[in-house]
Amino acid sequence: MANRFSKLKQLVETRTSQYNTTEALRKLNQGLVFIGDQAKNVDFTNLAKTAGTYTLSTVRENPGKTSLTVVALGLGPLSSLLLPWAGFGAAGVTAGSIASALHSQHAPVVAHGIFATLQSAGAGGYGLPIVQGAVQGAATAMGAGPWVKTVYDKLKPSADGQRNRGVGKPKL
């Protein structure tokens, strides 16, 4: 058993000298201590109330972004209503529809391809969660763009090099 530990100790010493692991561990320890010190300053008893207040103030300040986000969250389920409108029905492709025009241009249809997945979604099959997820994911990404810019603008350095943390009392 002692032989195993001596081999392990020798391996660690070799790796330490090669990769300066001690310095990396020291920096990791400093980072964890810093996080611990910062966590001491957080009032966890009022955290939910504070987060809710900031959220409400942000929604009030950004009604356009908020409505875009709400629309983005609702588009996934709405996609199942739009599929029959486009001609992807439960009984197959509807005659004279957008789907039938696409079908005539892209025949034969590849199994599990885009067209087949849309038809499956219209019929409530395997394609439904795929289409809903894709639509909702794309809409959420578009809805998240303005929010990401807002956060970036609050965190980017100002002209004097200091970061604008957006700290202050929220507007009620």
N, C-alpha and C. Protein backbone atom coordinates (compact mmCIF):
# COMPACT_ATOMS: atom_id res chain seq x y z
N MET A 1 0.83 -1.19 0.00
CA MET A 1 0.00 0.00 0.00
C MET A 1 0.88 1.25 0.00
N ALA A 2 1.93 1.22 0.81
CA ALA A 2 2.83 2.38 0.86
C ALA A 2 3.50 2.59 -0.49
N ASN A 3 3.78 1.50 -1.20
CA ASN A 3 4.39 1.60 -2.51
C ASN A 3 3.47 2.32 -3.49
N ARG A 4 2.16 2.04 -3.41
CA ARG A 4 1.21 2.71 -4.30
C ARG A 4 1.20 4.21 -4.05
N PHE A 5 1.19 4.59 -2.77
CA PHE A 5 1.17 6.01 -2.45
C PHE A 5 2.45 6.71 -2.86
N SER A 6 3.56 6.02 -2.75
CA SER A 6 4.82 6.65 -3.17
C SER A 6 4.84 6.85 -4.68
N LYS A 7 4.28 5.90 -5.43
CA LYS A 7 4.19 6.06 -6.87
C LYS A 7 3.26 7.22 -7.23
N LEU A 8 2.13 7.31 -6.51
CA LEU A 8 1.20 8.41 -6.74
C LEU A 8 1.84 9.74 -6.41
N LYS A 9 2.56 9.80 -5.29
CA LYS A 9 3.24 11.03 -4.89
C LYS A 9 4.28 11.43 -5.94
N GLN A 10 5.01 10.45 -6.45
CA GLN A 10 6.01 10.72 -7.47
C GLN A 10 5.35 11.24 -8.76
N LEU A 11 4.22 10.64 -9.13
CA LEU A 11 3.49 11.07 -10.32
C LEU A 11 2.99 12.51 -10.14
N VAL A 12 2.44 12.82 -8.97
CA VAL A 12 1.94 14.17 -8.71
C VAL A 12 3.09 15.17 -8.74
N GLU A 13 4.21 14.83 -8.15
CA GLU A 13 5.35 15.74 -8.16
C GLU A 13 5.86 15.97 -9.58
N THR A 14 5.87 14.92 -10.40
CA THR A 14 6.29 15.06 -11.78
C THR A 14 5.33 15.97 -12.54
N ARG A 15 4.04 15.72 -12.39
CA ARG A 15 3.04 16.55 -13.08
C ARG A 15 3.07 17.98 -12.56
N THR A 16 3.29 18.16 -11.27
CA THR A 16 3.34 19.50 -10.70
C THR A 16 4.47 20.30 -11.31
N SER A 17 5.61 19.68 -11.44
CA SER A 17 6.75 20.40 -12.01
C SER A 17 6.53 20.69 -13.49
N GLN A 18 5.83 19.79 -14.18
CA GLN A 18 5.62 19.98 -15.61
C GLN A 18 4.54 21.02 -15.90
N TYR A 19 3.46 21.01 -15.17
CA TYR A 19 2.31 21.83 -15.51
C TYR A 19 2.02 22.94 -14.51
N ASN A 20 2.86 23.11 -13.50
CA ASN A 20 2.68 24.14 -12.49
C ASN A 20 1.29 24.05 -11.87
N THR A 21 0.94 22.83 -11.44
CA THR A 21 -0.37 22.58 -10.86
C THR A 21 -0.56 23.33 -9.56
N THR A 22 0.49 23.50 -8.81
CA THR A 22 0.39 24.20 -7.53
C THR A 22 -0.11 25.62 -7.74
N GLU A 23 0.39 26.29 -8.74
CA GLU A 23 -0.04 27.66 -9.02
C GLU A 23 -1.51 27.68 -9.45
N ALA A 24 -1.91 26.71 -10.26
CA ALA A 24 -3.30 26.64 -10.69
C ALA A 24 -4.22 26.39 -9.51
N LEU A 25 -3.84 25.49 -8.62
CA LEU A 25 -4.64 25.22 -7.44
C LEU A 25 -4.71 26.44 -6.51
N ARG A 26 -3.61 27.17 -6.41
CA ARG A 26 -3.59 28.38 -5.58
C ARG A 26 -4.57 29.41 -6.13
N LYS A 27 -4.58 29.58 -7.45
CA LYS A 27 -5.50 30.53 -8.08
C LYS A 27 -6.95 30.07 -7.93
N LEU A 28 -7.19 28.76 -8.06
CA LEU A 28 -8.52 28.23 -7.86
C LEU A 28 -8.99 28.49 -6.44
N ASN A 29 -8.11 28.27 -5.47
CA ASN A 29 -8.44 28.52 -4.07
C ASN A 29 -8.76 30.00 -3.85
N GLN A 30 -7.98 30.89 -4.45
CA GLN A 30 -8.25 32.32 -4.32
C GLN A 30 -9.62 32.66 -4.90
N GLY A 31 -9.95 32.08 -6.03
CA GLY A 31 -11.25 32.33 -6.65
C GLY A 31 -12.40 31.83 -5.78
N LEU A 32 -12.24 30.66 -5.19
CA LEU A 32 -13.29 30.13 -4.32
C LEU A 32 -13.44 30.96 -3.06
N VAL A 33 -12.34 31.44 -2.51
CA VAL A 33 -12.41 32.32 -1.33
C VAL A 33 -13.12 33.61 -1.70
N PHE A 34 -12.82 34.17 -2.88
CA PHE A 34 -13.47 35.40 -3.32
C PHE A 34 -14.98 35.19 -3.46
N ILE A 35 -15.38 34.06 -4.07
CA ILE A 35 -16.81 33.76 -4.23
C ILE A 35 -17.47 33.63 -2.86
N GLY A 36 -16.79 32.96 -1.94
CA GLY A 36 -17.33 32.83 -0.59
C GLY A 36 -17.50 34.17 0.09
N ASP A 37 -16.51 35.06 -0.06
CA ASP A 37 -16.61 36.40 0.52
C ASP A 37 -17.75 37.18 -0.08
N GLN A 38 -17.94 37.06 -1.40
CA GLN A 38 -19.04 37.77 -2.06
C GLN A 38 -20.39 37.21 -1.62
N ALA A 39 -20.47 35.91 -1.41
CA ALA A 39 -21.73 35.30 -0.99
C ALA A 39 -22.14 35.77 0.40
N LYS A 40 -21.17 36.14 1.22
CA LYS A 40 -21.49 36.65 2.56
C LYS A 40 -22.24 37.97 2.48
N ASN A 41 -22.05 38.72 1.40
CA ASN A 41 -22.68 40.02 1.25
C ASN A 41 -24.10 39.95 0.68
N VAL A 42 -24.53 38.77 0.26
CA VAL A 42 -25.85 38.62 -0.35
C VAL A 42 -26.88 38.38 0.75
N ASP A 43 -27.95 39.16 0.71
CA ASP A 43 -29.05 38.99 1.65
C ASP A 43 -30.01 37.96 1.07
N PHE A 44 -29.80 36.69 1.42
CA PHE A 44 -30.59 35.62 0.83
C PHE A 44 -32.04 35.64 1.31
N THR A 45 -32.31 36.28 2.43
CA THR A 45 -33.69 36.32 2.93
C THR A 45 -34.58 37.16 2.03
N ASN A 46 -34.03 38.18 1.40
CA ASN A 46 -34.82 39.04 0.53
C ASN A 46 -34.48 38.85 -0.94
N LEU A 47 -33.77 37.77 -1.26
CA LEU A 47 -33.31 37.56 -2.64
C LEU A 47 -34.49 37.44 -3.61
N ALA A 48 -35.50 36.65 -3.26
CA ALA A 48 -36.65 36.47 -4.16
C ALA A 48 -37.40 37.79 -4.35
N LYS A 49 -37.57 38.53 -3.27
CA LYS A 49 -38.28 39.81 -3.36
C LYS A 49 -37.50 40.79 -4.23
N THR A 50 -36.19 40.85 -4.02
CA THR A 50 -35.35 41.75 -4.81
C THR A 50 -35.35 41.35 -6.28
N ALA A 51 -35.23 40.05 -6.55
CA ALA A 51 -35.24 39.58 -7.95
C ALA A 51 -36.58 39.90 -8.61
N GLY A 52 -37.66 39.72 -7.88
CA GLY A 52 -38.98 40.03 -8.42
C GLY A 52 -39.13 41.52 -8.70
N THR A 53 -38.62 42.35 -7.79
CA THR A 53 -38.69 43.80 -7.98
C THR A 53 -37.90 44.23 -9.20
N TYR A 54 -36.69 43.71 -9.35
CA TYR A 54 -35.87 44.04 -10.52
C TYR A 54 -36.54 43.54 -11.81
N THR A 55 -37.14 42.36 -11.76
CA THR A 55 -37.81 41.83 -12.94
C THR A 55 -38.98 42.72 -13.34
N LEU A 56 -39.79 43.10 -12.37
CA LEU A 56 -40.94 43.97 -12.67
C LEU A 56 -40.49 45.32 -13.22
N SER A 57 -39.43 45.88 -12.64
CA SER A 57 -38.97 47.18 -13.14
C SER A 57 -38.42 47.05 -14.56
N THR A 58 -37.75 45.94 -14.85
CA THR A 58 -37.22 45.73 -16.20
C THR A 58 -38.36 45.55 -17.20
N VAL A 59 -39.40 44.84 -16.80
CA VAL A 59 -40.56 44.64 -17.68
C VAL A 59 -41.24 45.98 -17.95
N ARG A 60 -41.37 46.80 -16.92
CA ARG A 60 -42.00 48.12 -17.10
C ARG A 60 -41.16 49.03 -17.98
N GLU A 61 -39.86 48.94 -17.87
CA GLU A 61 -38.97 49.78 -18.68
C GLU A 61 -38.88 49.30 -20.13
N ASN A 62 -39.17 48.02 -20.38
CA ASN A 62 -38.99 47.43 -21.70
C ASN A 62 -40.24 46.68 -22.16
N PRO A 63 -41.35 47.37 -22.39
CA PRO A 63 -42.57 46.65 -22.77
C PRO A 63 -42.45 45.94 -24.13
N GLY A 64 -41.70 46.53 -25.06
CA GLY A 64 -41.54 45.89 -26.37
C GLY A 64 -40.79 44.58 -26.27
N LYS A 65 -39.70 44.58 -25.52
CA LYS A 65 -38.91 43.36 -25.36
C LYS A 65 -39.73 42.30 -24.62
N THR A 66 -40.51 42.74 -23.64
CA THR A 66 -41.33 41.80 -22.88
C THR A 66 -42.37 41.15 -23.77
N SER A 67 -43.05 41.95 -24.60
CA SER A 67 -44.07 41.37 -25.47
C SER A 67 -43.45 40.44 -26.50
N LEU A 68 -42.25 40.77 -27.00
CA LEU A 68 -41.56 39.89 -27.93
C LEU A 68 -41.23 38.55 -27.27
N THR A 69 -40.82 38.58 -26.01
CA THR A 69 -40.50 37.35 -25.29
C THR A 69 -41.76 36.51 -25.07
N VAL A 70 -42.87 37.15 -24.71
CA VAL A 70 -44.12 36.42 -24.51
C VAL A 70 -44.57 35.77 -25.81
N VAL A 71 -44.48 36.49 -26.90
CA VAL A 71 -44.84 35.93 -28.21
C VAL A 71 -43.93 34.75 -28.54
N ALA A 72 -42.63 34.90 -28.26
CA ALA A 72 -41.68 33.83 -28.55
C ALA A 72 -42.02 32.56 -27.77
N LEU A 73 -42.43 32.71 -26.53
CA LEU A 73 -42.77 31.54 -25.72
C LEU A 73 -44.04 30.86 -26.20
N GLY A 74 -44.94 31.62 -26.83
CA GLY A 74 -46.19 31.05 -27.29
C GLY A 74 -46.15 30.48 -28.70
N LEU A 75 -45.09 30.74 -29.45
CA LEU A 75 -45.06 30.29 -30.84
C LEU A 75 -44.93 28.78 -31.02
N GLY A 76 -44.29 28.10 -30.09
CA GLY A 76 -44.15 26.64 -30.21
C GLY A 76 -45.49 25.95 -30.27
N PRO A 77 -46.35 26.15 -29.27
CA PRO A 77 -47.67 25.52 -29.33
C PRO A 77 -48.52 26.03 -30.50
N LEU A 78 -48.34 27.31 -30.87
CA LEU A 78 -49.13 27.84 -32.00
C LEU A 78 -48.72 27.23 -33.33
N SER A 79 -47.52 26.69 -33.41
CA SER A 79 -47.08 26.11 -34.68
C SER A 79 -47.97 24.93 -35.09
N SER A 80 -48.52 24.21 -34.10
CA SER A 80 -49.40 23.10 -34.43
C SER A 80 -50.71 23.59 -35.03
N LEU A 81 -51.08 24.85 -34.79
CA LEU A 81 -52.28 25.42 -35.42
C LEU A 81 -51.97 25.93 -36.83
N LEU A 82 -50.72 26.32 -37.06
CA LEU A 82 -50.35 26.86 -38.36
C LEU A 82 -50.10 25.76 -39.39
N LEU A 83 -49.75 24.57 -38.94
CA LEU A 83 -49.48 23.48 -39.88
C LEU A 83 -50.69 23.11 -40.73
N PRO A 84 -51.88 22.93 -40.15
CA PRO A 84 -53.05 22.65 -41.01
C PRO A 84 -53.36 23.81 -41.95
N TRP A 85 -53.15 25.03 -41.52
CA TRP A 85 -53.37 26.19 -42.38
C TRP A 85 -52.47 26.12 -43.61
N ALA A 86 -51.22 25.63 -43.43
CA ALA A 86 -50.29 25.51 -44.54
C ALA A 86 -50.56 24.27 -45.40
N GLY A 87 -51.44 23.38 -44.91
CA GLY A 87 -51.79 22.22 -45.70
C GLY A 87 -51.25 20.90 -45.19
N PHE A 88 -50.61 20.91 -44.03
CA PHE A 88 -50.11 19.67 -43.43
C PHE A 88 -51.17 19.18 -42.45
N GLY A 89 -52.16 18.44 -42.96
CA GLY A 89 -53.30 18.01 -42.16
C GLY A 89 -53.15 16.62 -41.60
N ALA A 90 -54.11 16.24 -40.78
CA ALA A 90 -54.10 14.93 -40.14
C ALA A 90 -54.28 13.81 -41.15
N ALA A 91 -54.98 14.09 -42.26
CA ALA A 91 -55.22 13.05 -43.27
C ALA A 91 -54.22 13.10 -44.41
N GLY A 92 -53.24 13.97 -44.31
CA GLY A 92 -52.24 14.09 -45.37
C GLY A 92 -52.18 15.51 -45.89
N VAL A 93 -51.51 15.68 -47.02
CA VAL A 93 -51.35 16.99 -47.62
C VAL A 93 -52.69 17.43 -48.21
N THR A 94 -53.10 18.66 -47.89
CA THR A 94 -54.36 19.20 -48.39
C THR A 94 -54.18 19.69 -49.82
N ALA A 95 -55.13 19.35 -50.70
CA ALA A 95 -55.05 19.75 -52.11
C ALA A 95 -55.15 21.27 -52.24
N GLY A 96 -54.33 21.84 -53.12
CA GLY A 96 -54.36 23.27 -53.38
C GLY A 96 -53.72 24.12 -52.30
N SER A 97 -52.96 23.53 -51.42
CA SER A 97 -52.35 24.27 -50.31
C SER A 97 -50.88 24.54 -50.57
N ILE A 98 -50.27 25.29 -49.66
CA ILE A 98 -48.83 25.54 -49.73
C ILE A 98 -48.07 24.21 -49.68
N ALA A 99 -48.54 23.31 -48.81
CA ALA A 99 -47.89 22.00 -48.69
C ALA A 99 -47.95 21.21 -49.99
N SER A 100 -49.08 21.28 -50.69
CA SER A 100 -49.18 20.52 -51.95
C SER A 100 -48.27 21.13 -53.01
N ALA A 101 -48.11 22.45 -53.02
CA ALA A 101 -47.19 23.09 -53.96
C ALA A 101 -45.75 22.67 -53.67
N LEU A 102 -45.39 22.64 -52.38
CA LEU A 102 -44.04 22.18 -52.00
C LEU A 102 -43.85 20.71 -52.37
N HIS A 103 -44.89 19.92 -52.14
CA HIS A 103 -44.80 18.49 -52.43
C HIS A 103 -44.59 18.23 -53.91
N SER A 104 -45.25 19.01 -54.75
CA SER A 104 -45.09 18.81 -56.20
C SER A 104 -43.69 19.21 -56.67
N GLN A 105 -43.05 20.14 -55.97
CA GLN A 105 -41.71 20.58 -56.35
C GLN A 105 -40.62 19.68 -55.80
N HIS A 106 -40.89 19.01 -54.68
CA HIS A 106 -39.83 18.25 -54.01
C HIS A 106 -40.12 16.75 -53.93
N ALA A 107 -40.92 16.23 -54.84
CA ALA A 107 -41.20 14.80 -54.84
C ALA A 107 -40.01 14.07 -55.44
N PRO A 108 -39.66 12.90 -55.05
CA PRO A 108 -40.25 12.14 -53.97
C PRO A 108 -39.76 12.65 -52.61
N VAL A 109 -40.57 12.44 -51.61
CA VAL A 109 -40.28 12.91 -50.25
C VAL A 109 -39.36 11.92 -49.55
N VAL A 110 -38.31 12.43 -48.96
CA VAL A 110 -37.35 11.61 -48.23
C VAL A 110 -37.91 11.30 -46.84
N ALA A 111 -37.82 10.04 -46.44
CA ALA A 111 -38.30 9.66 -45.10
C ALA A 111 -37.53 10.43 -44.04
N HIS A 112 -38.25 10.96 -43.10
CA HIS A 112 -37.70 11.75 -41.98
C HIS A 112 -36.99 13.02 -42.44
N GLY A 113 -37.28 13.46 -43.64
CA GLY A 113 -36.75 14.74 -44.11
C GLY A 113 -37.62 15.87 -43.59
N ILE A 114 -37.35 17.08 -44.04
CA ILE A 114 -38.08 18.25 -43.56
C ILE A 114 -39.57 18.14 -43.91
N PHE A 115 -39.88 17.84 -45.15
CA PHE A 115 -41.27 17.75 -45.56
C PHE A 115 -42.00 16.65 -44.80
N ALA A 116 -41.37 15.48 -44.68
CA ALA A 116 -41.99 14.37 -43.97
C ALA A 116 -42.20 14.70 -42.50
N THR A 117 -41.26 15.42 -41.91
CA THR A 117 -41.39 15.82 -40.51
C THR A 117 -42.53 16.81 -40.33
N LEU A 118 -42.66 17.75 -41.27
CA LEU A 118 -43.78 18.71 -41.20
C LEU A 118 -45.11 17.99 -41.37
N GLN A 119 -45.18 17.03 -42.27
CA GLN A 119 -46.42 16.27 -42.46
C GLN A 119 -46.73 15.46 -41.21
N SER A 120 -45.72 14.86 -40.61
CA SER A 120 -45.91 14.11 -39.38
C SER A 120 -46.40 15.01 -38.26
N ALA A 121 -45.86 16.22 -38.20
CA ALA A 121 -46.30 17.17 -37.18
C ALA A 121 -47.75 17.56 -37.41
N GLY A 122 -48.13 17.78 -38.66
CA GLY A 122 -49.52 18.12 -38.97
C GLY A 122 -50.48 17.01 -38.59
N ALA A 123 -50.01 15.77 -38.66
CA ALA A 123 -50.85 14.63 -38.29
C ALA A 123 -50.72 14.28 -36.82
N GLY A 124 -49.91 15.04 -36.09
CA GLY A 124 -49.75 14.79 -34.65
C GLY A 124 -48.79 13.66 -34.34
N GLY A 125 -47.89 13.36 -35.25
CA GLY A 125 -46.95 12.25 -35.06
C GLY A 125 -45.61 12.68 -34.49
N TYR A 126 -44.57 11.93 -34.87
CA TYR A 126 -43.23 12.16 -34.31
C TYR A 126 -42.71 13.57 -34.59
N GLY A 127 -43.18 14.21 -35.65
CA GLY A 127 -42.67 15.52 -36.04
C GLY A 127 -43.18 16.66 -35.20
N LEU A 128 -44.28 16.45 -34.47
CA LEU A 128 -44.87 17.55 -33.72
C LEU A 128 -43.91 18.15 -32.68
N PRO A 129 -43.31 17.36 -31.79
CA PRO A 129 -42.37 17.98 -30.84
C PRO A 129 -41.13 18.55 -31.52
N ILE A 130 -40.74 17.99 -32.65
CA ILE A 130 -39.57 18.50 -33.37
C ILE A 130 -39.88 19.89 -33.92
N VAL A 131 -41.03 20.02 -34.57
CA VAL A 131 -41.41 21.31 -35.16
C VAL A 131 -41.66 22.34 -34.07
N GLN A 132 -42.40 21.95 -33.02
CA GLN A 132 -42.67 22.90 -31.93
C GLN A 132 -41.38 23.34 -31.27
N GLY A 133 -40.47 22.43 -31.04
CA GLY A 133 -39.19 22.78 -30.42
C GLY A 133 -38.35 23.68 -31.29
N ALA A 134 -38.32 23.40 -32.59
CA ALA A 134 -37.54 24.24 -33.51
C ALA A 134 -38.12 25.64 -33.60
N VAL A 135 -39.45 25.73 -33.71
CA VAL A 135 -40.09 27.05 -33.80
C VAL A 135 -39.89 27.82 -32.51
N GLN A 136 -40.12 27.16 -31.38
CA GLN A 136 -39.98 27.85 -30.10
C GLN A 136 -38.52 28.20 -29.83
N GLY A 137 -37.59 27.34 -30.20
CA GLY A 137 -36.17 27.65 -30.01
C GLY A 137 -35.74 28.85 -30.83
N ALA A 138 -36.15 28.89 -32.10
CA ALA A 138 -35.80 30.03 -32.95
C ALA A 138 -36.45 31.31 -32.46
N ALA A 139 -37.72 31.22 -32.07
CA ALA A 139 -38.42 32.41 -31.58
C ALA A 139 -37.83 32.90 -30.26
N THR A 140 -37.45 31.98 -29.40
CA THR A 140 -36.84 32.36 -28.13
C THR A 140 -35.49 33.01 -28.36
N ALA A 141 -34.72 32.49 -29.30
CA ALA A 141 -33.43 33.11 -29.61
C ALA A 141 -33.62 34.52 -30.13
N MET A 142 -34.63 34.72 -30.98
CA MET A 142 -34.91 36.07 -31.47
C MET A 142 -35.41 36.97 -30.35
N GLY A 143 -36.22 36.41 -29.45
CA GLY A 143 -36.72 37.20 -28.33
C GLY A 143 -35.65 37.50 -27.30
N ALA A 144 -34.66 36.61 -27.18
CA ALA A 144 -33.60 36.82 -26.20
C ALA A 144 -32.58 37.85 -26.65
N GLY A 145 -32.48 38.07 -27.96
CA GLY A 145 -31.49 39.01 -28.47
C GLY A 145 -31.54 40.38 -27.83
N PRO A 146 -32.72 41.03 -27.78
CA PRO A 146 -32.77 42.34 -27.14
C PRO A 146 -32.41 42.31 -25.66
N TRP A 147 -32.78 41.23 -24.97
CA TRP A 147 -32.44 41.14 -23.53
C TRP A 147 -30.93 40.98 -23.35
N VAL A 148 -30.30 40.19 -24.21
CA VAL A 148 -28.85 40.01 -24.12
C VAL A 148 -28.15 41.35 -24.35
N LYS A 149 -28.64 42.13 -25.30
CA LYS A 149 -28.05 43.44 -25.55
C LYS A 149 -28.22 44.35 -24.35
N THR A 150 -29.38 44.29 -23.69
CA THR A 150 -29.61 45.12 -22.50
C THR A 150 -28.61 44.76 -21.40
N VAL A 151 -28.42 43.47 -21.17
CA VAL A 151 -27.47 43.04 -20.14
C VAL A 151 -26.05 43.44 -20.54
N TYR A 152 -25.72 43.26 -21.82
CA TYR A 152 -24.38 43.64 -22.30
C TYR A 152 -24.14 45.13 -22.09
N ASP A 153 -25.14 45.94 -22.42
CA ASP A 153 -24.98 47.38 -22.25
C ASP A 153 -24.77 47.76 -20.80
N LYS A 154 -25.40 47.02 -19.88
CA LYS A 154 -25.22 47.31 -18.45
C LYS A 154 -23.85 46.88 -17.96
N LEU A 155 -23.27 45.85 -18.58
CA LEU A 155 -22.01 45.30 -18.09
C LEU A 155 -20.78 45.79 -18.84
N LYS A 156 -20.95 46.41 -20.01
CA LYS A 156 -19.77 46.84 -20.76
C LYS A 156 -19.11 48.02 -20.06
N PRO A 157 -17.81 48.15 -20.22
CA PRO A 157 -17.09 49.25 -19.56
C PRO A 157 -17.55 50.61 -20.09
N SER A 158 -17.62 51.57 -19.19
CA SER A 158 -17.97 52.93 -19.60
C SER A 158 -16.71 53.63 -20.10
N ALA A 159 -16.83 54.91 -20.42
CA ALA A 159 -15.70 55.65 -20.99
C ALA A 159 -14.52 55.72 -20.02
N ASP A 160 -14.79 55.72 -18.70
CA ASP A 160 -13.70 55.80 -17.72
C ASP A 160 -13.12 54.43 -17.37
N GLY A 161 -13.59 53.37 -18.07
CA GLY A 161 -13.04 52.04 -17.85
C GLY A 161 -13.75 51.25 -16.77
N GLN A 162 -14.66 51.87 -16.05
CA GLN A 162 -15.40 51.18 -15.00
C GLN A 162 -16.61 50.49 -15.62
N ARG A 163 -16.98 49.37 -15.04
CA ARG A 163 -18.16 48.66 -15.55
C ARG A 163 -19.42 49.29 -14.97
N ASN A 164 -20.42 49.43 -15.81
CA ASN A 164 -21.72 49.90 -15.37
C ASN A 164 -22.49 48.67 -14.91
N ARG A 165 -22.58 48.46 -13.62
CA ARG A 165 -23.20 47.25 -13.09
C ARG A 165 -24.73 47.36 -13.04
N GLY A 166 -25.27 48.53 -13.35
CA GLY A 166 -26.71 48.67 -13.31
C GLY A 166 -27.24 48.60 -11.89
N VAL A 167 -26.38 48.91 -10.92
CA VAL A 167 -26.77 48.82 -9.52
C VAL A 167 -27.52 50.07 -9.13
N GLY A 168 -28.52 49.91 -8.35
CA GLY A 168 -29.30 51.03 -7.87
C GLY A 168 -30.68 50.56 -7.51
N LYS A 169 -31.48 51.46 -7.03
CA LYS A 169 -32.84 51.11 -6.66
C LYS A 169 -33.68 50.94 -7.92
N PRO A 170 -34.46 49.88 -7.98
CA PRO A 170 -35.31 49.69 -9.15
C PRO A 170 -36.46 50.70 -9.17
N LYS A 171 -36.91 51.02 -10.35
CA LYS A 171 -38.07 51.91 -10.49
C LYS A 171 -39.32 51.09 -10.23
N LEU A 172 -40.18 51.61 -9.41
CA LEU A 172 -41.43 50.90 -9.11
C LEU A 172 -42.61 51.61 -9.72
